[in-house]
PDB file of N, CA and C in Angstrom:
ATOM      1  N   MET A   1      -9.952  78.757 -23.638  1.00  0.00           N
ATOM      2  CA  MET A   1     -10.668  80.002 -23.103  1.00  0.00           C
ATOM      3  C   MET A   1     -11.548  80.752 -24.230  1.00  0.00           C
ATOM      4  N   GLU A   2     -12.540  80.979 -24.400  1.00  0.00           N
ATOM      5  CA  GLU A   2     -13.101  81.317 -25.711  1.00  0.00           C
ATOM      6  C   GLU A   2     -13.631  82.667 -25.265  1.00  0.00           C
ATOM      7  N   THR A   3     -13.382  83.899 -25.868  1.00  0.00           N
ATOM      8  CA  THR A   3     -14.021  85.122 -25.662  1.00  0.00           C
ATOM      9  C   THR A   3     -14.436  85.870 -26.592  1.00  0.00           C
ATOM     10  N   THR A   4     -15.095  86.617 -26.757  1.00  0.00           N
ATOM     11  CA  THR A   4     -15.686  87.400 -27.997  1.00  0.00           C
ATOM     12  C   THR A   4     -16.233  88.812 -27.229  1.00  0.00           C
ATOM     13  N   LYS A   5     -15.834  89.892 -28.504  1.00  0.00           N
ATOM     14  CA  LYS A   5     -15.922  91.334 -27.862  1.00  0.00           C
ATOM     15  C   LYS A   5     -15.899  92.013 -29.042  1.00  0.00           C
ATOM     16  N   ILE A   6     -16.218  93.341 -28.750  1.00  0.00           N
ATOM     17  CA  ILE A   6     -16.177  94.211 -29.996  1.00  0.00           C
ATOM     18  C   ILE A   6     -14.931  95.013 -29.361  1.00  0.00           C
ATOM     19  N   VAL A   7     -13.951  95.524 -30.630  1.00  0.00           N
ATOM     20  CA  VAL A   7     -13.169  96.435 -30.656  1.00  0.00           C
ATOM     21  C   VAL A   7     -13.358  97.549 -31.460  1.00  0.00           C
ATOM     22  N   LEU A   8     -13.143  98.813 -31.181  1.00  0.00           N
ATOM     23  CA  LEU A   8     -13.395  99.861 -31.738  1.00  0.00           C
ATOM     24  C   LEU A   8     -12.093 100.530 -32.391  1.00  0.00           C
ATOM     25  N   PHE A   9     -12.245 101.033 -33.876  1.00  0.00           N
ATOM     26  CA  PHE A   9     -11.114 101.055 -34.773  1.00  0.00           C
ATOM     27  C   PHE A   9     -11.710 102.492 -35.559  1.00  0.00           C
ATOM     28  N   LYS A  10     -10.941 103.482 -35.099  1.00  0.00           N
ATOM     29  CA  LYS A  10     -11.516 104.752 -35.765  1.00  0.00           C
ATOM     30  C   LYS A  10     -12.795 105.001 -35.619  1.00  0.00           C
ATOM     31  N   GLY A  11     -13.362 104.649 -34.083  1.00  0.00           N
ATOM     32  CA  GLY A  11     -14.750 104.912 -34.203  1.00  0.00           C
ATOM     33  C   GLY A  11     -16.017 103.696 -34.227  1.00  0.00           C
ATOM     34  N   LYS A  12     -15.202 103.082 -35.317  1.00  0.00           N
ATOM     35  CA  LYS A  12     -16.408 101.963 -35.776  1.00  0.00           C
ATOM     36  C   LYS A  12     -15.961 100.673 -35.273  1.00  0.00           C
ATOM     37  N   ARG A  13     -16.828  99.719 -35.232  1.00  0.00           N
ATOM     38  CA  ARG A  13     -16.641  98.384 -34.612  1.00  0.00           C
ATOM     39  C   ARG A  13     -16.417  97.293 -35.299  1.00  0.00           C
ATOM     40  N   ILE A  14     -15.364  96.584 -34.865  1.00  0.00           N
ATOM     41  CA  ILE A  14     -14.735  95.344 -35.286  1.00  0.00           C
ATOM     42  C   ILE A  14     -14.965  94.130 -34.342  1.00  0.00           C
ATOM     43  N   ARG A  15     -15.563  93.079 -35.018  1.00  0.00           N
ATOM     44  CA  ARG A  15     -15.878  92.029 -34.311  1.00  0.00           C
ATOM     45  C   ARG A  15     -14.731  90.987 -34.033  1.00  0.00           C
ATOM     46  N   ARG A  16     -14.149  90.412 -32.831  1.00  0.00           N
ATOM     47  CA  ARG A  16     -13.214  89.768 -32.594  1.00  0.00           C
ATOM     48  C   ARG A  16     -13.608  88.852 -31.939  1.00  0.00           C
ATOM     49  N   SER A  17     -12.699  87.691 -31.773  1.00  0.00           N
ATOM     50  CA  SER A  17     -13.248  86.405 -31.056  1.00  0.00           C
ATOM     51  C   SER A  17     -11.593  85.726 -30.646  1.00  0.00           C
ATOM     52  N   LEU A  18     -11.773  85.704 -29.418  1.00  0.00           N
ATOM     53  CA  LEU A  18     -10.451  85.097 -28.531  1.00  0.00           C
ATOM     54  C   LEU A  18     -10.302  83.515 -28.585  1.00  0.00           C
ATOM     55  N   PHE A  19      -9.845  82.975 -29.666  1.00  0.00           N
ATOM     56  CA  PHE A  19      -9.980  81.294 -29.638  1.00  0.00           C
ATOM     57  C   PHE A  19      -8.329  80.658 -29.639  1.00  0.00           C
ATOM     58  N   ASN A  20      -8.423  80.029 -28.751  1.00  0.00           N
ATOM     59  CA  ASN A  20      -6.975  79.380 -28.822  1.00  0.00           C
ATOM     60  C   ASN A  20      -5.270  80.211 -28.299  1.00  0.00           C
ATOM     61  N   ASN A  21      -5.981  81.177 -27.520  1.00  0.00           N
ATOM     62  CA  ASN A  21      -5.055  82.316 -27.303  1.00  0.00           C
ATOM     63  C   ASN A  21      -4.774  83.291 -28.541  1.00  0.00           C
ATOM     64  N   GLU A  22      -5.721  83.272 -29.492  1.00  0.00           N
ATOM     65  CA  GLU A  22      -5.514  83.862 -30.733  1.00  0.00           C
ATOM     66  C   GLU A  22      -6.410  84.831 -31.137  1.00  0.00           C
ATOM     67  N   TRP A  23      -6.618  86.120 -31.360  1.00  0.00           N
ATOM     68  CA  TRP A  23      -7.504  86.781 -31.759  1.00  0.00           C
ATOM     69  C   TRP A  23      -7.870  86.963 -33.414  1.00  0.00           C
ATOM     70  N   TRP A  24      -8.990  86.594 -33.655  1.00  0.00           N
ATOM     71  CA  TRP A  24      -9.845  85.968 -34.828  1.00  0.00           C
ATOM     72  C   TRP A  24     -10.595  87.493 -35.161  1.00  0.00           C
ATOM     73  N   PHE A  25     -10.396  88.203 -36.371  1.00  0.00           N
ATOM     74  CA  PHE A  25     -10.988  89.320 -36.312  1.00  0.00           C
ATOM     75  C   PHE A  25     -11.987  88.949 -37.881  1.00  0.00           C
ATOM     76  N   SER A  26     -13.175  89.736 -37.576  1.00  0.00           N
ATOM     77  CA  SER A  26     -14.289  89.551 -38.959  1.00  0.00           C
ATOM     78  C   SER A  26     -13.500  90.421 -39.875  1.00  0.00           C
ATOM     79  N   VAL A  27     -12.920  90.083 -41.038  1.00  0.00           N
ATOM     80  CA  VAL A  27     -12.555  90.502 -42.144  1.00  0.00           C
ATOM     81  C   VAL A  27     -13.430  91.525 -42.822  1.00  0.00           C
ATOM     82  N   VAL A  28     -14.830  91.071 -42.733  1.00  0.00           N
ATOM     83  CA  VAL A  28     -15.705  91.958 -43.607  1.00  0.00           C
ATOM     84  C   VAL A  28     -15.734  93.350 -42.613  1.00  0.00           C
ATOM     85  N   ASP A  29     -15.828  93.567 -41.320  1.00  0.00           N
ATOM     86  CA  ASP A  29     -15.780  94.409 -40.395  1.00  0.00           C
ATOM     87  C   ASP A  29     -14.585  95.200 -40.619  1.00  0.00           C
ATOM     88  N   VAL A  30     -13.433  94.799 -40.917  1.00  0.00           N
ATOM     89  CA  VAL A  30     -11.877  95.469 -41.341  1.00  0.00           C
ATOM     90  C   VAL A  30     -12.166  95.916 -42.630  1.00  0.00           C
ATOM     91  N   VAL A  31     -12.744  95.437 -43.319  1.00  0.00           N
ATOM     92  CA  VAL A  31     -12.670  95.997 -45.074  1.00  0.00           C
ATOM     93  C   VAL A  31     -13.272  97.305 -44.612  1.00  0.00           C
ATOM     94  N   ARG A  32     -14.778  96.961 -43.903  1.00  0.00           N
ATOM     95  CA  ARG A  32     -15.685  98.247 -43.738  1.00  0.00           C
ATOM     96  C   ARG A  32     -15.100  99.434 -43.194  1.00  0.00           C
ATOM     97  N   VAL A  33     -14.147  99.233 -42.414  1.00  0.00           N
ATOM     98  CA  VAL A  33     -13.502 100.105 -41.994  1.00  0.00           C
ATOM     99  C   VAL A  33     -12.318 100.712 -42.714  1.00  0.00           C
ATOM    100  N   LEU A  34     -11.725  99.971 -43.208  1.00  0.00           N
ATOM    101  CA  LEU A  34     -10.613 100.658 -43.888  1.00  0.00           C
ATOM    102  C   LEU A  34     -10.975 101.102 -45.275  1.00  0.00           C
ATOM    103  N   THR A  35     -12.057 100.619 -45.599  1.00  0.00           N
ATOM    104  CA  THR A  35     -12.242 101.343 -47.059  1.00  0.00           C
ATOM    105  C   THR A  35     -13.460 102.405 -46.969  1.00  0.00           C
ATOM    106  N   ASP A  36     -13.889 102.646 -45.821  1.00  0.00           N
ATOM    107  CA  ASP A  36     -15.103 103.333 -45.531  1.00  0.00           C
ATOM    108  C   ASP A  36     -16.249 103.042 -46.326  1.00  0.00           C
ATOM    109  N   GLN A  37     -16.421 102.003 -45.937  1.00  0.00           N
ATOM    110  CA  GLN A  37     -18.048 101.399 -46.478  1.00  0.00           C
ATOM    111  C   GLN A  37     -19.036 101.849 -45.869  1.00  0.00           C
ATOM    112  N   VAL A  38     -20.341 102.242 -46.428  1.00  0.00           N
ATOM    113  CA  VAL A  38     -21.430 102.679 -45.596  1.00  0.00           C
ATOM    114  C   VAL A  38     -22.306 101.437 -44.691  1.00  0.00           C
ATOM    115  N   ASP A  39     -22.068 100.229 -45.142  1.00  0.00           N
ATOM    116  CA  ASP A  39     -22.624  99.204 -44.429  1.00  0.00           C
ATOM    117  C   ASP A  39     -21.911  97.922 -44.712  1.00  0.00           C
ATOM    118  N   ASP A  40     -22.274  97.010 -43.750  1.00  0.00           N
ATOM    119  CA  ASP A  40     -21.665  95.304 -43.768  1.00  0.00           C
ATOM    120  C   ASP A  40     -22.131  95.012 -45.195  1.00  0.00           C
ATOM    121  N   TYR A  41     -23.249  95.380 -45.673  1.00  0.00           N
ATOM    122  CA  TYR A  41     -23.286  94.544 -46.958  1.00  0.00           C
ATOM    123  C   TYR A  41     -22.524  95.093 -48.185  1.00  0.00           C
ATOM    124  N   THR A  42     -22.176  96.448 -48.336  1.00  0.00           N
ATOM    125  CA  THR A  42     -21.240  96.799 -49.310  1.00  0.00           C
ATOM    126  C   THR A  42     -19.826  96.365 -48.944  1.00  0.00           C
ATOM    127  N   ALA A  43     -19.601  96.271 -47.846  1.00  0.00           N
ATOM    128  CA  ALA A  43     -18.313  95.828 -47.209  1.00  0.00           C
ATOM    129  C   ALA A  43     -17.891  94.347 -47.586  1.00  0.00           C
ATOM    130  N   ARG A  44     -19.126  93.405 -47.432  1.00  0.00           N
ATOM    131  CA  ARG A  44     -19.151  92.071 -48.031  1.00  0.00           C
ATOM    132  C   ARG A  44     -18.766  91.793 -49.199  1.00  0.00           C
ATOM    133  N   LYS A  45     -19.681  92.708 -50.137  1.00  0.00           N
ATOM    134  CA  LYS A  45     -19.626  92.771 -51.755  1.00  0.00           C
ATOM    135  C   LYS A  45     -17.987  93.236 -52.042  1.00  0.00           C
ATOM    136  N   TYR A  46     -17.474  94.168 -51.265  1.00  0.00           N
ATOM    137  CA  TYR A  46     -16.236  94.400 -51.590  1.00  0.00           C
ATOM    138  C   TYR A  46     -15.106  93.598 -51.553  1.00  0.00           C
ATOM    139  N   TRP A  47     -15.316  92.769 -50.318  1.00  0.00           N
ATOM    140  CA  TRP A  47     -14.308  91.576 -49.624  1.00  0.00           C
ATOM    141  C   TRP A  47     -14.488  90.793 -51.067  1.00  0.00           C
ATOM    142  N   ASN A  48     -15.722  90.097 -51.239  1.00  0.00           N
ATOM    143  CA  ASN A  48     -16.037  89.169 -52.213  1.00  0.00           C
ATOM    144  C   ASN A  48     -15.689  89.271 -53.485  1.00  0.00           C
ATOM    145  N   LYS A  49     -15.664  90.463 -54.322  1.00  0.00           N
ATOM    146  CA  LYS A  49     -14.480  90.739 -55.199  1.00  0.00           C
ATOM    147  C   LYS A  49     -13.329  90.797 -55.224  1.00  0.00           C
ATOM    148  N   LEU A  50     -12.888  91.218 -54.143  1.00  0.00           N
ATOM    149  CA  LEU A  50     -11.330  91.202 -53.636  1.00  0.00           C
ATOM    150  C   LEU A  50     -10.874  89.596 -53.936  1.00  0.00           C
ATOM    151  N   ALA A  51     -11.527  88.742 -52.995  1.00  0.00           N
ATOM    152  CA  ALA A  51     -10.943  87.763 -52.605  1.00  0.00           C
ATOM    153  C   ALA A  51     -11.237  86.773 -54.146  1.00  0.00           C
ATOM    154  N   GLN A  52     -12.341  87.005 -55.075  1.00  0.00           N
ATOM    155  CA  GLN A  52     -12.212  86.368 -56.373  1.00  0.00           C
ATOM    156  C   GLN A  52     -11.034  86.842 -57.384  1.00  0.00           C
ATOM    157  N   ARG A  53     -10.755  88.199 -57.124  1.00  0.00           N
ATOM    158  CA  ARG A  53      -9.611  88.556 -57.563  1.00  0.00           C
ATOM    159  C   ARG A  53      -8.165  87.893 -57.526  1.00  0.00           C
ATOM    160  N   LEU A  54      -8.193  87.800 -56.065  1.00  0.00           N
ATOM    161  CA  LEU A  54      -7.076  87.186 -55.493  1.00  0.00           C
ATOM    162  C   LEU A  54      -6.861  85.744 -55.960  1.00  0.00           C
ATOM    163  N   ARG A  55      -7.987  84.832 -55.976  1.00  0.00           N
ATOM    164  CA  ARG A  55      -8.034  83.475 -56.664  1.00  0.00           C
ATOM    165  C   ARG A  55      -7.744  83.489 -57.693  1.00  0.00           C
ATOM    166  N   GLU A  56      -7.954  84.267 -58.612  1.00  0.00           N
ATOM    167  CA  GLU A  56      -7.721  84.301 -60.096  1.00  0.00           C
ATOM    168  C   GLU A  56      -6.409  84.608 -60.449  1.00  0.00           C
ATOM    169  N   GLU A  57      -5.862  85.116 -59.537  1.00  0.00           N
ATOM    170  CA  GLU A  57      -4.347  85.198 -59.698  1.00  0.00           C
ATOM    171  C   GLU A  57      -3.523  84.360 -58.912  1.00  0.00           C
ATOM    172  N   GLY A  58      -4.191  83.471 -58.415  1.00  0.00           N
ATOM    173  CA  GLY A  58      -3.207  82.520 -58.165  1.00  0.00           C
ATOM    174  C   GLY A  58      -2.951  82.449 -56.433  1.00  0.00           C
ATOM    175  N   SER A  59      -3.584  83.559 -55.780  1.00  0.00           N
ATOM    176  CA  SER A  59      -3.053  83.540 -54.480  1.00  0.00           C
ATOM    177  C   SER A  59      -3.407  82.383 -53.535  1.00  0.00           C
ATOM    178  N   GLU A  60      -2.704  82.180 -52.660  1.00  0.00           N
ATOM    179  CA  GLU A  60      -3.599  81.200 -51.530  1.00  0.00           C
ATOM    180  C   GLU A  60      -3.749  81.613 -50.165  1.00  0.00           C
ATOM    181  N   VAL A  61      -3.928  82.768 -50.287  1.00  0.00           N
ATOM    182  CA  VAL A  61      -3.928  83.691 -48.938  1.00  0.00           C
ATOM    183  C   VAL A  61      -5.471  83.705 -48.609  1.00  0.00           C
ATOM    184  N   VAL A  62      -6.471  83.150 -49.525  1.00  0.00           N
ATOM    185  CA  VAL A  62      -7.731  83.530 -49.619  1.00  0.00           C
ATOM    186  C   VAL A  62      -8.121  82.030 -49.711  1.00  0.00           C
ATOM    187  N   THR A  63      -9.280  81.530 -48.672  1.00  0.00           N
ATOM    188  CA  THR A  63      -9.708  80.095 -48.765  1.00  0.00           C
ATOM    189  C   THR A  63     -10.991  80.211 -49.235  1.00  0.00           C
ATOM    190  N   PHE A  64     -11.534  79.007 -49.674  1.00  0.00           N
ATOM    191  CA  PHE A  64     -12.786  78.646 -50.182  1.00  0.00           C
ATOM    192  C   PHE A  64     -13.702  78.394 -49.643  1.00  0.00           C
ATOM    193  N   CYS A  65     -13.360  78.987 -48.364  1.00  0.00           N
ATOM    194  CA  CYS A  65     -14.972  78.425 -47.188  1.00  0.00           C
ATOM    195  C   CYS A  65     -15.749  79.742 -47.269  1.00  0.00           C
ATOM    196  N   HIS A  66     -16.948  79.464 -46.980  1.00  0.00           N
ATOM    197  CA  HIS A  66     -18.220  80.349 -46.752  1.00  0.00           C
ATOM    198  C   HIS A  66     -18.190  81.315 -45.740  1.00  0.00           C
ATOM    199  N   ARG A  67     -18.867  82.053 -45.542  1.00  0.00           N
ATOM    200  CA  ARG A  67     -18.853  82.890 -44.372  1.00  0.00           C
ATOM    201  C   ARG A  67     -19.315  81.888 -43.047  1.00  0.00           C
ATOM    202  N   LEU A  68     -18.438  82.325 -41.736  1.00  0.00           N
ATOM    203  CA  LEU A  68     -18.817  81.546 -40.602  1.00  0.00           C
ATOM    204  C   LEU A  68     -19.440  82.529 -39.786  1.00  0.00           C
ATOM    205  N   LYS A  69     -20.277  82.201 -38.757  1.00  0.00           N
ATOM    206  CA  LYS A  69     -20.989  83.019 -37.925  1.00  0.00           C
ATOM    207  C   LYS A  69     -20.034  83.392 -36.768  1.00  0.00           C
ATOM    208  N   LEU A  70     -19.730  84.572 -36.453  1.00  0.00           N
ATOM    209  CA  LEU A  70     -18.891  85.478 -35.279  1.00  0.00           C
ATOM    210  C   LEU A  70     -19.940  85.886 -34.434  1.00  0.00           C
ATOM    211  N   GLU A  71     -20.459  85.164 -33.321  1.00  0.00           N
ATOM    212  CA  GLU A  71     -21.168  85.601 -32.405  1.00  0.00           C
ATOM    213  C   GLU A  71     -20.279  86.584 -31.205  1.00  0.00           C
ATOM    214  N   VAL A  72     -20.976  87.583 -31.176  1.00  0.00           N
ATOM    215  CA  VAL A  72     -19.865  88.661 -30.088  1.00  0.00           C
ATOM    216  C   VAL A  72     -20.930  89.410 -29.081  1.00  0.00           C
ATOM    217  N   THR A  73     -20.722  89.861 -27.825  1.00  0.00           N
ATOM    218  CA  THR A  73     -21.305  90.315 -27.053  1.00  0.00           C
ATOM    219  C   THR A  73     -20.857  91.956 -27.428  1.00  0.00           C
ATOM    220  N   PHE A  74     -21.883  92.994 -27.115  1.00  0.00           N
ATOM    221  CA  PHE A  74     -21.514  94.020 -27.535  1.00  0.00           C
ATOM    222  C   PHE A  74     -20.881  94.680 -26.158  1.00  0.00           C
ATOM    223  N   CYS A  75     -19.850  94.752 -26.356  1.00  0.00           N
ATOM    224  CA  CYS A  75     -18.858  95.628 -24.818  1.00  0.00           C
ATOM    225  C   CYS A  75     -17.929  96.278 -25.585  1.00  0.00           C
ATOM    226  N   TYR A  76     -18.276  97.459 -24.982  1.00  0.00           N
ATOM    227  CA  TYR A  76     -17.129  98.938 -25.403  1.00  0.00           C
ATOM    228  C   TYR A  76     -16.364  99.547 -24.446  1.00  0.00           C
TER     229      TYR A  76
END
């Protein structure tokens, strides 16, 4: 079963997808909400810089994959 939806957090949208009974959330959307970024572009730049710093510190939390498309239906 695969389901995609929008969830609201603090009144802002976060894309998510249900895959193999696990919810997968858009990191950029979460960063945008938690850091009060004005749009997806600045949130993506913020995440890219944070991921770069984590990799430089040797953290294995961040993978080396590029962005993946997260298709969602707009449901509120």
